[in-house]
Amino acid sequence: MIRLGFYLIIAGFLFLNKAVAHPHVWVDSQYRVTVNESKITTLEGTWSLDLFTSTSLIAEYDVNFDGELTGQEKLNMLEVLKSFETYGYFIKLKKDGEDFLPEKVKIFDVRIRDQMLWMHLSIALPEAVDLNTSVLSLAYGDDELYFAMEPLEEGLVRLSGALSETCTPAEREAEEMSIAFWVDLSCHS
């Protein structure tokens, strides 16, 4: 019964009239980009849901109250979080200024850390992006404005890999109301 109530609350948030739209859920988010060569084909995404939303979901799905999601608890939570697939996980990408939709997005982990619910996404790009010749722009944003997608404190993009020092992530203002800002990523070797 509680699970049905949660689904109804989320559905209510997502389908309210846009005229009264304002965030109901806050998500700290980040892209992780591993640059071992100039061409990249995948990214990772990290989300941390706000305390209220995390607490509600943890209370529902951590049935043994041990502060961890294991076994069936984790599988049930993953199933609920897959509902974000309908909204493209709020991923916004552009390649050289043109919209660039991921080929596939998969939640590969969900866990509880510091009483917050964290999830990790695997993002497959539709084609390789050569960061030496193209600019990959990254953001998160909910066009319906029910989820406030804010960058993690350490930034929206975290680079790693052998060539990460040759890359420049540059923040720029977003024209879209639903996006905090864009990060344009390019590399020069």
C-alpha atoms as a PDB file:
ATOM      1  CA  MET A   1       0.000   0.000   0.000  1.00  0.00           C
ATOM      2  CA  ILE A   2       2.846   2.386   0.834  1.00  0.00           C
ATOM      3  CA  ARG A   3       4.490   1.550  -2.499  1.00  0.00           C
ATOM      4  CA  LEU A   4       1.282   2.455  -4.358  1.00  0.00           C
ATOM      5  CA  GLY A   5       1.156   5.710  -2.406  1.00  0.00           C
ATOM      6  CA  PHE A   6       4.738   6.530  -3.426  1.00  0.00           C
ATOM      7  CA  TYR A   7       3.963   5.866  -7.102  1.00  0.00           C
ATOM      8  CA  LEU A   8       0.899   8.115  -6.872  1.00  0.00           C
ATOM      9  CA  ILE A   9       2.946  10.917  -5.269  1.00  0.00           C
ATOM     10  CA  ILE A  10       5.640  10.727  -7.971  1.00  0.00           C
ATOM     11  CA  ALA A  11       2.988  10.564 -10.706  1.00  0.00           C
ATOM     12  CA  GLY A  12       1.267  13.590  -9.187  1.00  0.00           C
ATOM     13  CA  PHE A  13       4.537  15.538  -9.154  1.00  0.00           C
ATOM     14  CA  LEU A  14       5.246  14.704 -12.785  1.00  0.00           C
ATOM     15  CA  PHE A  15       1.824  15.445 -14.227  1.00  0.00           C
ATOM     16  CA  LEU A  16       0.765  18.631 -12.425  1.00  0.00           C
ATOM     17  CA  ASN A  17       0.003  21.649 -14.541  1.00  0.00           C
ATOM     18  CA  LYS A  18       3.183  23.349 -15.799  1.00  0.00           C
ATOM     19  CA  ALA A  19       1.812  26.722 -14.705  1.00  0.00           C
ATOM     20  CA  VAL A  20       2.298  25.759 -11.065  1.00  0.00           C
ATOM     21  CA  ALA A  21       5.517  23.846 -11.679  1.00  0.00           C
ATOM     22  CA  HIS A  22       8.281  24.139  -9.144  1.00  0.00           C
ATOM     23  CA  PRO A  23      10.766  21.563  -7.870  1.00  0.00           C
ATOM     24  CA  HIS A  24       9.516  18.893  -5.492  1.00  0.00           C
ATOM     25  CA  VAL A  25      12.660  16.770  -5.561  1.00  0.00           C
ATOM     26  CA  TRP A  26      16.234  18.037  -5.459  1.00  0.00           C
ATOM     27  CA  VAL A  27      18.963  15.939  -7.040  1.00  0.00           C
ATOM     28  CA  ASP A  28      22.683  16.619  -6.807  1.00  0.00           C
ATOM     29  CA  SER A  29      24.186  15.305 -10.023  1.00  0.00           C
ATOM     30  CA  GLN A  30      27.485  14.835 -11.807  1.00  0.00           C
ATOM     31  CA  TYR A  31      28.952  13.333 -14.959  1.00  0.00           C
ATOM     32  CA  ARG A  32      32.122  11.274 -14.693  1.00  0.00           C
ATOM     33  CA  VAL A  33      34.172  11.142 -17.854  1.00  0.00           C
ATOM     34  CA  THR A  34      37.142   8.805 -18.249  1.00  0.00           C
ATOM     35  CA  VAL A  35      39.464  10.081 -20.965  1.00  0.00           C
ATOM     36  CA  ASN A  36      42.103   7.474 -21.788  1.00  0.00           C
ATOM     37  CA  GLU A  37      41.996   8.418 -25.474  1.00  0.00           C
ATOM     38  CA  SER A  38      40.498  11.391 -27.308  1.00  0.00           C
ATOM     39  CA  LYS A  39      37.433   9.423 -28.444  1.00  0.00           C
ATOM     40  CA  ILE A  40      34.872   8.583 -25.765  1.00  0.00           C
ATOM     41  CA  THR A  41      31.859   6.310 -26.108  1.00  0.00           C
ATOM     42  CA  THR A  42      30.550   6.190 -22.536  1.00  0.00           C
ATOM     43  CA  LEU A  43      29.987   8.423 -19.527  1.00  0.00           C
ATOM     44  CA  GLU A  44      28.848   7.774 -15.996  1.00  0.00           C
ATOM     45  CA  GLY A  45      26.256   9.745 -14.107  1.00  0.00           C
ATOM     46  CA  THR A  46      25.936  10.116 -10.345  1.00  0.00           C
ATOM     47  CA  TRP A  47      22.839  11.290  -8.488  1.00  0.00           C
ATOM     48  CA  SER A  48      22.210  11.970  -4.823  1.00  0.00           C
ATOM     49  CA  LEU A  49      18.525  12.423  -3.990  1.00  0.00           C
ATOM     50  CA  ASP A  50      17.503  15.012  -1.384  1.00  0.00           C
ATOM     51  CA  LEU A  51      17.064  13.987   2.255  1.00  0.00           C
ATOM     52  CA  PHE A  52      13.239  13.944   2.206  1.00  0.00           C
ATOM     53  CA  THR A  53      13.015  11.824  -0.943  1.00  0.00           C
ATOM     54  CA  SER A  54      15.877   9.571   0.203  1.00  0.00           C
ATOM     55  CA  THR A  55      14.306   9.038   3.619  1.00  0.00           C
ATOM     56  CA  SER A  56      10.936   8.156   2.072  1.00  0.00           C
ATOM     57  CA  LEU A  57      12.438   5.648  -0.359  1.00  0.00           C
ATOM     58  CA  ILE A  58      14.798   4.128   2.213  1.00  0.00           C
ATOM     59  CA  ALA A  59      11.933   3.672   4.688  1.00  0.00           C
ATOM     60  CA  GLU A  60       9.965   1.837   2.003  1.00  0.00           C
ATOM     61  CA  TYR A  61      12.695  -0.357   0.510  1.00  0.00           C
ATOM     62  CA  ASP A  62      15.260  -0.999   3.272  1.00  0.00           C
ATOM     63  CA  VAL A  63      12.886  -3.531   4.823  1.00  0.00           C
ATOM     64  CA  ASN A  64      15.386  -4.878   7.364  1.00  0.00           C
ATOM     65  CA  PHE A  65      16.384  -1.319   8.413  1.00  0.00           C
ATOM     66  CA  ASP A  66      20.125  -2.029   8.291  1.00  0.00           C
ATOM     67  CA  GLY A  67      20.987   1.103   6.296  1.00  0.00           C
ATOM     68  CA  GLU A  68      21.971  -0.904   3.205  1.00  0.00           C
ATOM     69  CA  LEU A  69      20.163  -2.034   0.091  1.00  0.00           C
ATOM     70  CA  THR A  70      20.980  -5.676  -0.558  1.00  0.00           C
ATOM     71  CA  GLY A  71      19.410  -8.549  -2.454  1.00  0.00           C
ATOM     72  CA  GLN A  72      15.714  -8.071  -3.176  1.00  0.00           C
ATOM     73  CA  GLU A  73      15.737  -4.623  -1.514  1.00  0.00           C
ATOM     74  CA  LYS A  74      18.199  -3.369  -4.135  1.00  0.00           C
ATOM     75  CA  LEU A  75      16.316  -5.040  -6.993  1.00  0.00           C
ATOM     76  CA  ASN A  76      13.042  -3.442  -5.855  1.00  0.00           C
ATOM     77  CA  MET A  77      14.689   0.002  -5.560  1.00  0.00           C
ATOM     78  CA  LEU A  78      16.250  -0.341  -9.023  1.00  0.00           C
ATOM     79  CA  GLU A  79      12.831  -1.170 -10.440  1.00  0.00           C
ATOM     80  CA  VAL A  80      11.339   2.017  -8.947  1.00  0.00           C
ATOM     81  CA  LEU A  81      14.218   4.193 -10.146  1.00  0.00           C
ATOM     82  CA  LYS A  82      13.848   2.830 -13.696  1.00  0.00           C
ATOM     83  CA  SER A  83      10.735   5.034 -13.917  1.00  0.00           C
ATOM     84  CA  PHE A  84      13.141   7.923 -14.658  1.00  0.00           C
ATOM     85  CA  GLU A  85      13.876   6.228 -17.980  1.00  0.00           C
ATOM     86  CA  THR A  86      10.654   7.790 -19.308  1.00  0.00           C
ATOM     87  CA  TYR A  87      12.308  11.197 -18.836  1.00  0.00           C
ATOM     88  CA  GLY A  88      15.694  10.191 -20.234  1.00  0.00           C
ATOM     89  CA  TYR A  89      17.126  10.412 -16.712  1.00  0.00           C
ATOM     90  CA  PHE A  90      17.074  14.209 -17.298  1.00  0.00           C
ATOM     91  CA  ILE A  91      20.311  13.885 -19.292  1.00  0.00           C
ATOM     92  CA  LYS A  92      21.085  16.781 -21.624  1.00  0.00           C
ATOM     93  CA  LEU A  93      23.903  16.364 -24.142  1.00  0.00           C
ATOM     94  CA  LYS A  94      25.010  18.310 -27.203  1.00  0.00           C
ATOM     95  CA  LYS A  95      27.753  17.556 -29.693  1.00  0.00           C
ATOM     96  CA  ASP A  96      29.060  20.686 -31.398  1.00  0.00           C
ATOM     97  CA  GLY A  97      25.882  22.519 -30.369  1.00  0.00           C
ATOM     98  CA  GLU A  98      23.432  19.901 -31.688  1.00  0.00           C
ATOM     99  CA  ASP A  99      21.258  17.731 -29.425  1.00  0.00           C
ATOM    100  CA  PHE A 100      22.904  14.372 -28.861  1.00  0.00           C
ATOM    101  CA  LEU A 101      20.767  11.666 -27.258  1.00  0.00           C
ATOM    102  CA  PRO A 102      22.372   8.750 -25.413  1.00  0.00           C
ATOM    103  CA  GLU A 103      22.018   5.367 -27.063  1.00  0.00           C
ATOM    104  CA  LYS A 104      21.384   3.636 -23.747  1.00  0.00           C
ATOM    105  CA  VAL A 105      21.240   4.570 -20.079  1.00  0.00           C
ATOM    106  CA  LYS A 106      21.323   1.980 -17.320  1.00  0.00           C
ATOM    107  CA  ILE A 107      21.342   2.285 -13.548  1.00  0.00           C
ATOM    108  CA  PHE A 108      24.283   0.123 -12.509  1.00  0.00           C
ATOM    109  CA  ASP A 109      24.243   0.796  -8.768  1.00  0.00           C
ATOM    110  CA  VAL A 110      22.094   2.263  -6.035  1.00  0.00           C
ATOM    111  CA  ARG A 111      23.151   2.572  -2.412  1.00  0.00           C
ATOM    112  CA  ILE A 112      22.644   4.461   0.817  1.00  0.00           C
ATOM    113  CA  ARG A 113      25.449   6.804   1.884  1.00  0.00           C
ATOM    114  CA  ASP A 114      25.150   9.290   4.745  1.00  0.00           C
ATOM    115  CA  GLN A 115      21.379   8.657   4.897  1.00  0.00           C
ATOM    116  CA  MET A 116      21.055   9.723   1.274  1.00  0.00           C
ATOM    117  CA  LEU A 117      20.129   7.591  -1.712  1.00  0.00           C
ATOM    118  CA  TRP A 118      22.841   7.560  -4.386  1.00  0.00           C
ATOM    119  CA  MET A 119      22.509   6.075  -7.840  1.00  0.00           C
ATOM    120  CA  HIS A 120      25.069   5.566 -10.587  1.00  0.00           C
ATOM    121  CA  LEU A 121      24.236   5.555 -14.290  1.00  0.00           C
ATOM    122  CA  SER A 122      26.075   4.071 -17.231  1.00  0.00           C
ATOM    123  CA  ILE A 123      25.533   6.259 -20.303  1.00  0.00           C
ATOM    124  CA  ALA A 124      26.360   4.876 -23.763  1.00  0.00           C
ATOM    125  CA  LEU A 125      26.776   7.514 -26.469  1.00  0.00           C
ATOM    126  CA  PRO A 126      25.258   6.844 -29.931  1.00  0.00           C
ATOM    127  CA  GLU A 127      28.681   7.296 -31.532  1.00  0.00           C
ATOM    128  CA  ALA A 128      32.215   8.026 -30.409  1.00  0.00           C
ATOM    129  CA  VAL A 129      32.945  11.680 -29.689  1.00  0.00           C
ATOM    130  CA  ASP A 130      36.473  12.820 -30.502  1.00  0.00           C
ATOM    131  CA  LEU A 131      37.157  15.485 -27.887  1.00  0.00           C
ATOM    132  CA  ASN A 132      40.123  16.766 -29.935  1.00  0.00           C
ATOM    133  CA  THR A 133      37.822  17.842 -32.781  1.00  0.00           C
ATOM    134  CA  SER A 134      34.383  18.185 -31.137  1.00  0.00           C
ATOM    135  CA  VAL A 135      32.867  19.831 -28.090  1.00  0.00           C
ATOM    136  CA  LEU A 136      30.634  17.673 -25.912  1.00  0.00           C
ATOM    137  CA  SER A 137      28.236  19.767 -23.839  1.00  0.00           C
ATOM    138  CA  LEU A 138      26.775  18.199 -20.704  1.00  0.00           C
ATOM    139  CA  ALA A 139      23.954  19.203 -18.353  1.00  0.00           C
ATOM    140  CA  TYR A 140      21.051  17.753 -16.417  1.00  0.00           C
ATOM    141  CA  GLY A 141      17.604  19.299 -16.446  1.00  0.00           C
ATOM    142  CA  ASP A 142      13.941  18.493 -15.970  1.00  0.00           C
ATOM    143  CA  ASP A 143      11.907  20.376 -18.570  1.00  0.00           C
ATOM    144  CA  GLU A 144       8.800  19.991 -16.392  1.00  0.00           C
ATOM    145  CA  LEU A 145      10.609  21.634 -13.418  1.00  0.00           C
ATOM    146  CA  TYR A 146       9.514  19.022 -10.864  1.00  0.00           C
ATOM    147  CA  PHE A 147      13.073  17.851 -10.244  1.00  0.00           C
ATOM    148  CA  ALA A 148      15.780  20.401  -9.503  1.00  0.00           C
ATOM    149  CA  MET A 149      18.953  18.940 -10.967  1.00  0.00           C
ATOM    150  CA  GLU A 150      21.888  20.694  -9.296  1.00  0.00           C
ATOM    151  CA  PRO A 151      25.603  19.908  -9.719  1.00  0.00           C
ATOM    152  CA  LEU A 152      27.459  18.159  -6.918  1.00  0.00           C
ATOM    153  CA  GLU A 153      29.583  20.505  -4.818  1.00  0.00           C
ATOM    154  CA  GLU A 154      32.777  19.366  -6.593  1.00  0.00           C
ATOM    155  CA  GLY A 155      31.269  20.243  -9.985  1.00  0.00           C
ATOM    156  CA  LEU A 156      29.071  18.913 -12.769  1.00  0.00           C
ATOM    157  CA  VAL A 157      31.909  17.123 -14.574  1.00  0.00           C
ATOM    158  CA  ARG A 158      34.625  15.014 -12.999  1.00  0.00           C
ATOM    159  CA  LEU A 159      37.459  13.915 -15.279  1.00  0.00           C
ATOM    160  CA  SER A 160      39.795  10.954 -14.902  1.00  0.00           C
ATOM    161  CA  GLY A 161      42.042   8.908 -17.157  1.00  0.00           C
ATOM    162  CA  ALA A 162      45.413   9.219 -18.856  1.00  0.00           C
ATOM    163  CA  LEU A 163      44.399  12.218 -21.021  1.00  0.00           C
ATOM    164  CA  SER A 164      42.226  14.043 -18.501  1.00  0.00           C
ATOM    165  CA  GLU A 165      44.894  16.724 -17.960  1.00  0.00           C
ATOM    166  CA  THR A 166      44.594  17.697 -21.650  1.00  0.00           C
ATOM    167  CA  CYS A 167      40.858  18.374 -21.332  1.00  0.00           C
ATOM    168  CA  THR A 168      39.111  21.598 -20.449  1.00  0.00           C
ATOM    169  CA  PRO A 169      35.627  21.553 -18.935  1.00  0.00           C
ATOM    170  CA  ALA A 170      34.244  25.102 -19.345  1.00  0.00           C
ATOM    171  CA  GLU A 171      31.026  26.192 -17.632  1.00  0.00           C
ATOM    172  CA  ARG A 172      28.590  28.408 -19.507  1.00  0.00           C
ATOM    173  CA  GLU A 173      25.196  29.819 -18.666  1.00  0.00           C
ATOM    174  CA  ALA A 174      22.182  27.889 -19.824  1.00  0.00           C
ATOM    175  CA  GLU A 175      19.435  29.581 -21.790  1.00  0.00           C
ATOM    176  CA  GLU A 176      17.006  26.847 -20.710  1.00  0.00           C
ATOM    177  CA  MET A 177      15.209  27.514 -17.425  1.00  0.00           C
ATOM    178  CA  SER A 178      15.432  23.845 -16.424  1.00  0.00           C
ATOM    179  CA  ILE A 179      19.247  23.710 -16.580  1.00  0.00           C
ATOM    180  CA  ALA A 180      21.584  25.205 -13.964  1.00  0.00           C
ATOM    181  CA  PHE A 181      24.447  25.523 -16.500  1.00  0.00           C
ATOM    182  CA  TRP A 182      26.207  23.639 -19.267  1.00  0.00           C
ATOM    183  CA  VAL A 183      29.747  22.292 -19.218  1.00  0.00           C
ATOM    184  CA  ASP A 184      31.503  22.243 -22.584  1.00  0.00           C
ATOM    185  CA  LEU A 185      34.202  19.588 -22.731  1.00  0.00           C
ATOM    186  CA  SER A 186      37.045  19.451 -25.244  1.00  0.00           C
ATOM    187  CA  CYS A 187      40.626  18.162 -25.189  1.00  0.00           C
ATOM    188  CA  HIS A 188      43.845  19.233 -26.855  1.00  0.00           C
ATOM    189  CA  SER A 189      46.731  16.778 -26.998  1.00  0.00           C
END
